[in-house]
C-alpha atoms as a PDB file:
ATOM      1  CA  UNK A   1      44.647 246.555 168.295  1.00  0.00           C
ATOM      2  CA  UNK A   2      46.654 249.178 170.212  1.00  0.00           C
ATOM      3  CA  UNK A   3      45.201 247.370 172.909  1.00  0.00           C
ATOM      4  CA  UNK A   4      46.637 244.238 172.168  1.00  0.00           C
ATOM      5  CA  UNK A   5      50.278 245.604 171.422  1.00  0.00           C
ATOM      6  CA  UNK A   6      50.687 248.306 173.696  1.00  0.00           C
ATOM      7  CA  UNK A   7      54.608 247.727 174.246  1.00  0.00           C
ATOM      8  CA  UNK A   8      56.724 246.290 171.745  1.00  0.00           C
ATOM      9  CA  UNK A   9      60.042 245.047 172.206  1.00  0.00           C
ATOM     10  CA  UNK A  10      63.212 245.209 169.464  1.00  0.00           C
ATOM     11  CA  UNK A  11      65.767 242.470 169.624  1.00  0.00           C
ATOM     12  CA  UNK A  12      68.476 242.749 167.217  1.00  0.00           C
ATOM     13  CA  UNK A  13      71.421 241.580 165.969  1.00  0.00           C
ATOM     14  CA  UNK A  14      74.202 243.383 167.715  1.00  0.00           C
ATOM     15  CA  UNK A  15      76.853 242.230 165.293  1.00  0.00           C
ATOM     16  CA  UNK A  16      75.670 243.117 162.165  1.00  0.00           C
ATOM     17  CA  UNK A  17      76.689 247.040 160.605  1.00  0.00           C
ATOM     18  CA  UNK A  18      73.335 247.862 159.080  1.00  0.00           C
ATOM     19  CA  UNK A  19      70.738 246.934 162.287  1.00  0.00           C
ATOM     20  CA  UNK A  20      71.448 250.824 163.792  1.00  0.00           C
ATOM     21  CA  UNK A  21      69.824 252.023 160.918  1.00  0.00           C
ATOM     22  CA  UNK A  22      66.616 249.247 160.276  1.00  0.00           C
ATOM     23  CA  UNK A  23      66.276 249.578 164.389  1.00  0.00           C
ATOM     24  CA  UNK A  24      65.881 253.403 164.012  1.00  0.00           C
ATOM     25  CA  UNK A  25      63.953 253.042 161.256  1.00  0.00           C
ATOM     26  CA  UNK A  26      61.562 250.359 162.853  1.00  0.00           C
ATOM     27  CA  UNK A  27      61.531 252.664 166.302  1.00  0.00           C
ATOM     28  CA  UNK A  28      60.720 255.783 164.543  1.00  0.00           C
ATOM     29  CA  UNK A  29      57.757 254.167 162.774  1.00  0.00           C
ATOM     30  CA  UNK A  30      56.458 252.807 166.009  1.00  0.00           C
ATOM     31  CA  UNK A  31      56.699 255.786 168.384  1.00  0.00           C
ATOM     32  CA  UNK A  32      55.059 257.731 165.704  1.00  0.00           C
ATOM     33  CA  UNK A  33      52.058 255.443 166.112  1.00  0.00           C
ATOM     34  CA  UNK A  34      52.111 255.988 170.013  1.00  0.00           C
ATOM     35  CA  UNK A  35      53.705 252.391 171.018  1.00  0.00           C
ATOM     36  CA  UNK A  36      55.588 252.008 174.126  1.00  0.00           C
ATOM     37  CA  UNK A  37      58.999 250.464 172.625  1.00  0.00           C
ATOM     38  CA  UNK A  38      61.726 249.051 174.578  1.00  0.00           C
ATOM     39  CA  UNK A  39      65.259 247.807 172.908  1.00  0.00           C
ATOM     40  CA  UNK A  40      67.179 244.739 173.876  1.00  0.00           C
ATOM     41  CA  UNK A  41      70.490 246.628 175.697  1.00  0.00           C
ATOM     42  CA  UNK A  42      73.301 245.093 173.282  1.00  0.00           C
ATOM     43  CA  UNK A  43      71.424 246.682 170.230  1.00  0.00           C
ATOM     44  CA  UNK A  44      70.438 250.043 171.881  1.00  0.00           C
ATOM     45  CA  UNK A  45      74.160 250.884 172.764  1.00  0.00           C
ATOM     46  CA  UNK A  46      74.902 251.013 168.809  1.00  0.00           C
ATOM     47  CA  UNK A  47      71.901 253.811 168.640  1.00  0.00           C
ATOM     48  CA  UNK A  48      72.852 257.248 168.042  1.00  0.00           C
ATOM     49  CA  UNK A  49      70.344 257.900 170.742  1.00  0.00           C
ATOM     50  CA  UNK A  50      70.722 257.954 174.661  1.00  0.00           C
ATOM     51  CA  UNK A  51      67.038 258.303 174.928  1.00  0.00           C
ATOM     52  CA  UNK A  52      65.850 254.883 174.217  1.00  0.00           C
ATOM     53  CA  UNK A  53      64.666 252.219 176.975  1.00  0.00           C
ATOM     54  CA  UNK A  54      66.813 249.505 177.060  1.00  0.00           C
ATOM     55  CA  UNK A  55      66.806 246.187 178.870  1.00  0.00           C
ATOM     56  CA  UNK A  56      68.748 242.998 179.056  1.00  0.00           C
ATOM     57  CA  UNK A  57      67.424 240.040 176.674  1.00  0.00           C
ATOM     58  CA  UNK A  58      66.684 237.597 179.072  1.00  0.00           C
ATOM     59  CA  UNK A  59      64.127 240.243 180.642  1.00  0.00           C
ATOM     60  CA  UNK A  60      62.518 242.315 177.884  1.00  0.00           C
ATOM     61  CA  UNK A  61      60.050 239.714 177.320  1.00  0.00           C
ATOM     62  CA  UNK A  62      58.666 240.284 180.885  1.00  0.00           C
ATOM     63  CA  UNK A  63      56.988 244.052 179.997  1.00  0.00           C
ATOM     64  CA  UNK A  64      56.245 243.698 176.100  1.00  0.00           C
ATOM     65  CA  UNK A  65      53.012 242.411 174.429  1.00  0.00           C
ATOM     66  CA  UNK A  66      55.010 241.633 170.966  1.00  0.00           C
ATOM     67  CA  UNK A  67      58.836 241.019 169.975  1.00  0.00           C
ATOM     68  CA  UNK A  68      60.391 242.028 166.796  1.00  0.00           C
ATOM     69  CA  UNK A  69      63.324 240.184 165.934  1.00  0.00           C
ATOM     70  CA  UNK A  70      65.273 241.883 163.665  1.00  0.00           C
ATOM     71  CA  UNK A  71      68.221 239.923 161.923  1.00  0.00           C
ATOM     72  CA  UNK A  72      68.392 236.168 160.754  1.00  0.00           C
ATOM     73  CA  UNK A  73      67.019 233.244 161.745  1.00  0.00           C
ATOM     74  CA  UNK A  74      69.684 233.165 164.590  1.00  0.00           C
ATOM     75  CA  UNK A  75      68.520 236.338 165.830  1.00  0.00           C
ATOM     76  CA  UNK A  76      65.007 235.140 165.947  1.00  0.00           C
ATOM     77  CA  UNK A  77      66.078 231.934 167.469  1.00  0.00           C
ATOM     78  CA  UNK A  78      67.499 233.618 170.522  1.00  0.00           C
ATOM     79  CA  UNK A  79      64.758 236.056 170.533  1.00  0.00           C
ATOM     80  CA  UNK A  80      62.257 232.911 171.052  1.00  0.00           C
ATOM     81  CA  UNK A  81      64.134 231.092 173.715  1.00  0.00           C
ATOM     82  CA  UNK A  82      64.557 234.368 175.783  1.00  0.00           C
ATOM     83  CA  UNK A  83      60.842 235.337 175.873  1.00  0.00           C
ATOM     84  CA  UNK A  84      59.454 231.552 175.161  1.00  0.00           C
ATOM     85  CA  UNK A  85      57.934 231.268 179.016  1.00  0.00           C
ATOM     86  CA  UNK A  86      56.209 234.999 178.692  1.00  0.00           C
ATOM     87  CA  UNK A  87      53.553 233.554 176.136  1.00  0.00           C
ATOM     88  CA  UNK A  88      53.964 236.705 173.691  1.00  0.00           C
ATOM     89  CA  UNK A  89      54.346 236.404 169.854  1.00  0.00           C
ATOM     90  CA  UNK A  90      57.297 237.431 167.810  1.00  0.00           C
ATOM     91  CA  UNK A  91      57.548 238.947 164.292  1.00  0.00           C
ATOM     92  CA  UNK A  92      61.030 238.915 162.240  1.00  0.00           C
ATOM     93  CA  UNK A  93      62.358 241.148 159.758  1.00  0.00           C
ATOM     94  CA  UNK A  94      64.644 239.893 157.771  1.00  0.00           C
ATOM     95  CA  UNK A  95      68.620 240.821 157.521  1.00  0.00           C
ATOM     96  CA  UNK A  96      70.000 237.775 156.912  1.00  0.00           C
ATOM     97  CA  UNK A  97      70.520 235.722 154.395  1.00  0.00           C
ATOM     98  CA  UNK A  98      67.959 232.438 153.695  1.00  0.00           C
ATOM     99  CA  UNK A  99      65.573 233.675 156.822  1.00  0.00           C
ATOM    100  CA  UNK A 100      62.651 230.983 157.023  1.00  0.00           C
ATOM    101  CA  UNK A 101      61.348 232.394 160.555  1.00  0.00           C
ATOM    102  CA  UNK A 102      62.175 236.473 159.663  1.00  0.00           C
ATOM    103  CA  UNK A 103      60.077 237.061 156.426  1.00  0.00           C
ATOM    104  CA  UNK A 104      59.920 240.542 156.363  1.00  0.00           C
ATOM    105  CA  UNK A 105      62.470 242.541 154.241  1.00  0.00           C
ATOM    106  CA  UNK A 106      63.862 246.112 155.418  1.00  0.00           C
ATOM    107  CA  UNK A 107      62.212 247.692 152.597  1.00  0.00           C
ATOM    108  CA  UNK A 108      58.766 246.630 153.228  1.00  0.00           C
ATOM    109  CA  UNK A 109      58.671 247.500 157.068  1.00  0.00           C
ATOM    110  CA  UNK A 110      56.256 250.416 157.112  1.00  0.00           C
ATOM    111  CA  UNK A 111      53.685 248.514 154.957  1.00  0.00           C
ATOM    112  CA  UNK A 112      54.132 245.271 156.539  1.00  0.00           C
ATOM    113  CA  UNK A 113      54.691 246.518 160.160  1.00  0.00           C
ATOM    114  CA  UNK A 114      51.201 249.098 159.600  1.00  0.00           C
ATOM    115  CA  UNK A 115      49.020 245.851 158.067  1.00  0.00           C
ATOM    116  CA  UNK A 116      50.173 243.380 160.965  1.00  0.00           C
ATOM    117  CA  UNK A 117      49.831 246.067 163.978  1.00  0.00           C
ATOM    118  CA  UNK A 118      45.948 246.986 162.212  1.00  0.00           C
ATOM    119  CA  UNK A 119      45.195 243.301 163.307  1.00  0.00           C
ATOM    120  CA  UNK A 120      45.853 241.501 159.471  1.00  0.00           C
ATOM    121  CA  UNK A 121      48.161 238.725 159.974  1.00  0.00           C
ATOM    122  CA  UNK A 122      48.414 235.162 160.362  1.00  0.00           C
ATOM    123  CA  UNK A 123      49.371 233.205 163.504  1.00  0.00           C
ATOM    124  CA  UNK A 124      51.537 230.032 163.777  1.00  0.00           C
ATOM    125  CA  UNK A 125      52.354 227.869 166.829  1.00  0.00           C
ATOM    126  CA  UNK A 126      55.765 226.089 166.847  1.00  0.00           C
ATOM    127  CA  UNK A 127      57.176 223.897 169.781  1.00  0.00           C
ATOM    128  CA  UNK A 128      60.601 224.197 171.585  1.00  0.00           C
ATOM    129  CA  UNK A 129      62.629 221.431 172.504  1.00  0.00           C
ATOM    130  CA  UNK A 130      63.938 221.094 176.605  1.00  0.00           C
ATOM    131  CA  UNK A 131      67.427 219.453 176.774  1.00  0.00           C
ATOM    132  CA  UNK A 132      68.440 218.434 180.189  1.00  0.00           C
ATOM    133  CA  UNK A 133      72.200 216.569 180.776  1.00  0.00           C
ATOM    134  CA  UNK A 134      71.745 214.306 183.670  1.00  0.00           C
ATOM    135  CA  UNK A 135      75.208 213.147 185.729  1.00  0.00           C
ATOM    136  CA  UNK A 136      74.774 210.946 188.533  1.00  0.00           C
ATOM    137  CA  UNK A 137      70.769 211.173 188.887  1.00  0.00           C
ATOM    138  CA  UNK A 138      71.407 215.068 188.794  1.00  0.00           C
ATOM    139  CA  UNK A 139      70.431 217.292 185.948  1.00  0.00           C
ATOM    140  CA  UNK A 140      73.812 219.362 185.710  1.00  0.00           C
ATOM    141  CA  UNK A 141      72.566 221.395 182.540  1.00  0.00           C
ATOM    142  CA  UNK A 142      69.286 222.344 180.799  1.00  0.00           C
ATOM    143  CA  UNK A 143      68.754 224.686 177.340  1.00  0.00           C
ATOM    144  CA  UNK A 144      65.584 225.610 175.118  1.00  0.00           C
ATOM    145  CA  UNK A 145      66.108 224.768 171.647  1.00  0.00           C
ATOM    146  CA  UNK A 146      63.889 226.261 168.760  1.00  0.00           C
ATOM    147  CA  UNK A 147      65.302 224.232 165.489  1.00  0.00           C
ATOM    148  CA  UNK A 148      67.430 221.232 166.997  1.00  0.00           C
ATOM    149  CA  UNK A 149      69.270 219.237 170.100  1.00  0.00           C
ATOM    150  CA  UNK A 150      72.640 217.899 168.557  1.00  0.00           C
ATOM    151  CA  UNK A 151      74.709 215.403 170.224  1.00  0.00           C
ATOM    152  CA  UNK A 152      78.439 215.820 168.513  1.00  0.00           C
ATOM    153  CA  UNK A 153      81.854 213.811 168.992  1.00  0.00           C
ATOM    154  CA  UNK A 154      84.110 216.482 170.583  1.00  0.00           C
ATOM    155  CA  UNK A 155      87.579 216.874 170.639  1.00  0.00           C
ATOM    156  CA  UNK A 156      88.136 213.413 168.790  1.00  0.00           C
ATOM    157  CA  UNK A 157      88.747 211.574 165.867  1.00  0.00           C
ATOM    158  CA  UNK A 158      86.767 208.805 166.649  1.00  0.00           C
ATOM    159  CA  UNK A 159      82.899 208.180 165.890  1.00  0.00           C
ATOM    160  CA  UNK A 160      80.587 208.153 169.212  1.00  0.00           C
ATOM    161  CA  UNK A 161      78.635 205.198 169.662  1.00  0.00           C
ATOM    162  CA  UNK A 162      75.103 206.735 170.869  1.00  0.00           C
ATOM    163  CA  UNK A 163      72.073 204.618 172.097  1.00  0.00           C
ATOM    164  CA  UNK A 164      68.677 206.024 171.784  1.00  0.00           C
ATOM    165  CA  UNK A 165      65.575 205.312 173.667  1.00  0.00           C
ATOM    166  CA  UNK A 166      62.069 206.545 172.690  1.00  0.00           C
ATOM    167  CA  UNK A 167      59.496 206.737 175.634  1.00  0.00           C
ATOM    168  CA  UNK A 168      61.556 204.131 177.536  1.00  0.00           C
ATOM    169  CA  UNK A 169      61.440 201.833 174.589  1.00  0.00           C
ATOM    170  CA  UNK A 170      64.955 201.376 172.961  1.00  0.00           C
ATOM    171  CA  UNK A 171      65.248 202.096 169.283  1.00  0.00           C
ATOM    172  CA  UNK A 172      68.824 201.655 168.226  1.00  0.00           C
ATOM    173  CA  UNK A 173      72.663 201.987 168.773  1.00  0.00           C
ATOM    174  CA  UNK A 174      74.847 203.607 166.218  1.00  0.00           C
ATOM    175  CA  UNK A 175      78.376 204.402 165.586  1.00  0.00           C
ATOM    176  CA  UNK A 176      78.294 208.300 163.797  1.00  0.00           C
ATOM    177  CA  UNK A 177      79.878 211.373 164.139  1.00  0.00           C
ATOM    178  CA  UNK A 178      76.580 212.747 166.204  1.00  0.00           C
ATOM    179  CA  UNK A 179      72.518 212.831 166.064  1.00  0.00           C
ATOM    180  CA  UNK A 180      70.366 215.509 165.518  1.00  0.00           C
ATOM    181  CA  UNK A 181      66.730 215.868 167.562  1.00  0.00           C
ATOM    182  CA  UNK A 182      65.273 218.546 165.380  1.00  0.00           C
ATOM    183  CA  UNK A 183      61.505 220.078 165.411  1.00  0.00           C
ATOM    184  CA  UNK A 184      59.701 220.788 162.323  1.00  0.00           C
ATOM    185  CA  UNK A 185      60.912 224.639 162.509  1.00  0.00           C
ATOM    186  CA  UNK A 186      64.226 223.071 162.539  1.00  0.00           C
ATOM    187  CA  UNK A 187      63.777 220.546 159.641  1.00  0.00           C
ATOM    188  CA  UNK A 188      65.072 223.215 157.043  1.00  0.00           C
ATOM    189  CA  UNK A 189      68.292 224.094 159.043  1.00  0.00           C
ATOM    190  CA  UNK A 190      71.036 221.530 160.427  1.00  0.00           C
ATOM    191  CA  UNK A 191      68.735 218.455 159.628  1.00  0.00           C
ATOM    192  CA  UNK A 192      67.652 219.451 156.213  1.00  0.00           C
ATOM    193  CA  UNK A 193      72.230 219.976 155.341  1.00  0.00           C
ATOM    194  CA  UNK A 194      72.056 216.384 157.167  1.00  0.00           C
ATOM    195  CA  UNK A 195      69.825 214.573 154.931  1.00  0.00           C
ATOM    196  CA  UNK A 196      66.709 214.853 157.093  1.00  0.00           C
ATOM    197  CA  UNK A 197      62.852 215.254 155.329  1.00  0.00           C
ATOM    198  CA  UNK A 198      61.493 218.868 155.272  1.00  0.00           C
ATOM    199  CA  UNK A 199      58.521 218.843 157.953  1.00  0.00           C
ATOM    200  CA  UNK A 200      55.582 220.772 157.651  1.00  0.00           C
ATOM    201  CA  UNK A 201      55.442 223.468 160.848  1.00  0.00           C
ATOM    202  CA  UNK A 202      51.915 222.085 161.596  1.00  0.00           C
ATOM    203  CA  UNK A 203      53.121 218.486 162.374  1.00  0.00           C
ATOM    204  CA  UNK A 204      53.508 217.294 165.958  1.00  0.00           C
ATOM    205  CA  UNK A 205      56.409 215.360 164.703  1.00  0.00           C
ATOM    206  CA  UNK A 206      60.513 215.288 165.642  1.00  0.00           C
ATOM    207  CA  UNK A 207      63.103 213.899 163.369  1.00  0.00           C
ATOM    208  CA  UNK A 208      66.060 211.881 164.544  1.00  0.00           C
ATOM    209  CA  UNK A 209      68.846 212.276 161.753  1.00  0.00           C
ATOM    210  CA  UNK A 210      72.186 210.446 162.547  1.00  0.00           C
ATOM    211  CA  UNK A 211      75.067 212.554 161.491  1.00  0.00           C
ATOM    212  CA  UNK A 212      77.419 210.431 158.819  1.00  0.00           C
ATOM    213  CA  UNK A 213      76.641 207.046 160.777  1.00  0.00           C
ATOM    214  CA  UNK A 214      79.105 204.119 159.932  1.00  0.00           C
ATOM    215  CA  UNK A 215      76.410 201.814 159.240  1.00  0.00           C
ATOM    216  CA  UNK A 216      74.751 203.579 155.728  1.00  0.00           C
ATOM    217  CA  UNK A 217      71.273 201.869 157.066  1.00  0.00           C
ATOM    218  CA  UNK A 218      70.891 204.359 159.799  1.00  0.00           C
ATOM    219  CA  UNK A 219      68.700 206.833 158.177  1.00  0.00           C
ATOM    220  CA  UNK A 220      66.363 209.306 159.518  1.00  0.00           C
ATOM    221  CA  UNK A 221      63.384 208.597 161.846  1.00  0.00           C
ATOM    222  CA  UNK A 222      60.333 210.736 162.390  1.00  0.00           C
ATOM    223  CA  UNK A 223      58.250 210.193 165.834  1.00  0.00           C
ATOM    224  CA  UNK A 224      55.595 211.646 167.544  1.00  0.00           C
ATOM    225  CA  UNK A 225      56.677 215.012 169.627  1.00  0.00           C
ATOM    226  CA  UNK A 226      55.239 214.033 172.775  1.00  0.00           C
ATOM    227  CA  UNK A 227      58.097 211.230 173.088  1.00  0.00           C
ATOM    228  CA  UNK A 228      60.128 211.773 175.568  1.00  0.00           C
ATOM    229  CA  UNK A 229      64.073 211.187 174.095  1.00  0.00           C
ATOM    230  CA  UNK A 230      67.579 209.316 175.712  1.00  0.00           C
ATOM    231  CA  UNK A 231      70.626 209.294 174.320  1.00  0.00           C
ATOM    232  CA  UNK A 232      73.269 207.843 176.492  1.00  0.00           C
ATOM    233  CA  UNK A 233      76.768 206.550 175.162  1.00  0.00           C
ATOM    234  CA  UNK A 234      78.301 202.963 174.869  1.00  0.00           C
ATOM    235  CA  UNK A 235      82.003 203.864 174.663  1.00  0.00           C
ATOM    236  CA  UNK A 236      84.572 200.992 175.315  1.00  0.00           C
ATOM    237  CA  UNK A 237      86.687 204.181 176.283  1.00  0.00           C
ATOM    238  CA  UNK A 238      86.255 207.409 178.134  1.00  0.00           C
ATOM    239  CA  UNK A 239      85.915 210.512 175.226  1.00  0.00           C
ATOM    240  CA  UNK A 240      84.376 213.765 175.426  1.00  0.00           C
ATOM    241  CA  UNK A 241      81.165 214.736 173.666  1.00  0.00           C
ATOM    242  CA  UNK A 242      79.465 218.168 172.913  1.00  0.00           C
ATOM    243  CA  UNK A 243      75.519 218.696 172.887  1.00  0.00           C
ATOM    244  CA  UNK A 244      74.174 222.348 171.123  1.00  0.00           C
ATOM    245  CA  UNK A 245      70.680 223.563 171.591  1.00  0.00           C
ATOM    246  CA  UNK A 246      70.556 225.311 168.254  1.00  0.00           C
ATOM    247  CA  UNK A 247      73.810 227.021 168.542  1.00  0.00           C
ATOM    248  CA  UNK A 248      74.608 227.118 172.210  1.00  0.00           C
ATOM    249  CA  UNK A 249      77.023 224.758 173.480  1.00  0.00           C
ATOM    250  CA  UNK A 250      77.046 222.338 176.545  1.00  0.00           C
ATOM    251  CA  UNK A 251      80.515 221.112 176.547  1.00  0.00           C
ATOM    252  CA  UNK A 252      82.440 218.374 178.160  1.00  0.00           C
ATOM    253  CA  UNK A 253      79.381 215.579 178.316  1.00  0.00           C
ATOM    254  CA  UNK A 254      80.595 212.666 179.659  1.00  0.00           C
ATOM    255  CA  UNK A 255      80.319 209.226 178.281  1.00  0.00           C
ATOM    256  CA  UNK A 256      78.410 208.286 181.774  1.00  0.00           C
ATOM    257  CA  UNK A 257      75.625 211.286 180.987  1.00  0.00           C
ATOM    258  CA  UNK A 258      72.121 210.894 179.923  1.00  0.00           C
ATOM    259  CA  UNK A 259      71.016 213.562 177.306  1.00  0.00           C
ATOM    260  CA  UNK A 260      66.924 213.825 177.986  1.00  0.00           C
ATOM    261  CA  UNK A 261      65.019 215.466 175.250  1.00  0.00           C
ATOM    262  CA  UNK A 262      61.038 216.537 175.718  1.00  0.00           C
ATOM    263  CA  UNK A 263      58.885 218.863 173.847  1.00  0.00           C
ATOM    264  CA  UNK A 264      58.078 222.270 176.084  1.00  0.00           C
ATOM    265  CA  UNK A 265      54.252 222.141 176.415  1.00  0.00           C
ATOM    266  CA  UNK A 266      53.768 225.722 175.480  1.00  0.00           C
ATOM    267  CA  UNK A 267      54.244 226.663 171.917  1.00  0.00           C
ATOM    268  CA  UNK A 268      55.621 230.026 170.723  1.00  0.00           C
ATOM    269  CA  UNK A 269      53.646 232.181 168.438  1.00  0.00           C
ATOM    270  CA  UNK A 270      55.046 233.561 165.292  1.00  0.00           C
ATOM    271  CA  UNK A 271      53.182 236.353 163.394  1.00  0.00           C
ATOM    272  CA  UNK A 272      53.378 236.557 159.421  1.00  0.00           C
ATOM    273  CA  UNK A 273      51.943 238.977 157.258  1.00  0.00           C
ATOM    274  CA  UNK A 274      48.693 237.746 155.574  1.00  0.00           C
ATOM    275  CA  UNK A 275      49.460 236.057 152.306  1.00  0.00           C
ATOM    276  CA  UNK A 276      52.322 234.001 153.842  1.00  0.00           C
ATOM    277  CA  UNK A 277      52.510 230.545 152.826  1.00  0.00           C
ATOM    278  CA  UNK A 278      55.285 227.611 154.082  1.00  0.00           C
ATOM    279  CA  UNK A 279      55.327 225.984 150.285  1.00  0.00           C
ATOM    280  CA  UNK A 280      56.184 229.298 148.521  1.00  0.00           C
ATOM    281  CA  UNK A 281      58.977 230.510 151.275  1.00  0.00           C
ATOM    282  CA  UNK A 282      60.433 226.824 150.208  1.00  0.00           C
ATOM    283  CA  UNK A 283      60.377 227.789 146.687  1.00  0.00           C
ATOM    284  CA  UNK A 284      61.779 230.913 147.282  1.00  0.00           C
ATOM    285  CA  UNK A 285      64.330 230.042 149.674  1.00  0.00           C
ATOM    286  CA  UNK A 286      65.582 227.102 148.608  1.00  0.00           C
ATOM    287  CA  UNK A 287      65.308 227.572 144.757  1.00  0.00           C
ATOM    288  CA  UNK A 288      62.810 225.337 143.736  1.00  0.00           C
ATOM    289  CA  UNK A 289      60.722 225.472 140.533  1.00  0.00           C
ATOM    290  CA  UNK A 290      62.991 228.098 139.387  1.00  0.00           C
ATOM    291  CA  UNK A 291      61.530 227.587 135.741  1.00  0.00           C
ATOM    292  CA  UNK A 292      57.977 227.095 136.678  1.00  0.00           C
ATOM    293  CA  UNK A 293      55.259 230.159 136.121  1.00  0.00           C
ATOM    294  CA  UNK A 294      51.903 229.654 138.064  1.00  0.00           C
END
């Protein structure tokens, strides 16, 4: 398996005070196994040693066979977007709270890494979204999202009036605080908080979840993930909207703009320890069936 993972990149949550120790532990373990290790530059700056090899997060994926994200789901999302075009697998170590994507705890690092690097792991593919903001026929901004693309009202107490088309076919119009377009990965994130369904990661589907709709019959709807989703506005007055891709903001979206959302054809690959079970993760993270013993 050394032939598969010769060079391993580490992307950390550099704002977490615990990150230096955890990265140092992982770095020491990997170097004792003769792996070539590269660390993202912001995390590397927190380490006591100046001898580590560092790269910017945007370029680290070009040199690696595996990326280890150390932090919470937000760190994993950043790592996935930064390395999505390099077709390399990702592995997560959890320093966050829920951690649906990062499923190795710090106290089990050596045991789990040893098993995974020996080839004992489960692979899972997740698809990303690509969002484009189009103004006067020109793309003025574009971004990738692992979890969701969200259109929000911005700097106004008024609802926004959203028009949605699916593959060019009119779906509906709604007055609301916004609309979430979520992947199965994101269905346990913002979409879940807004009342959307949980989608199994293997589903080729997207869920559209309205945010505080004025008409209560506006409910979440699930569509095929090959669909192109077009969002436009029907405001009678000019107000601004905000588009977010995961937690990245695209501000000052005009009411004359269109937002086009498609699935990126090539998925990312997530590595899980053997025995990983999505339903077990749901029970553990969401505290389901706490009184039931299997």
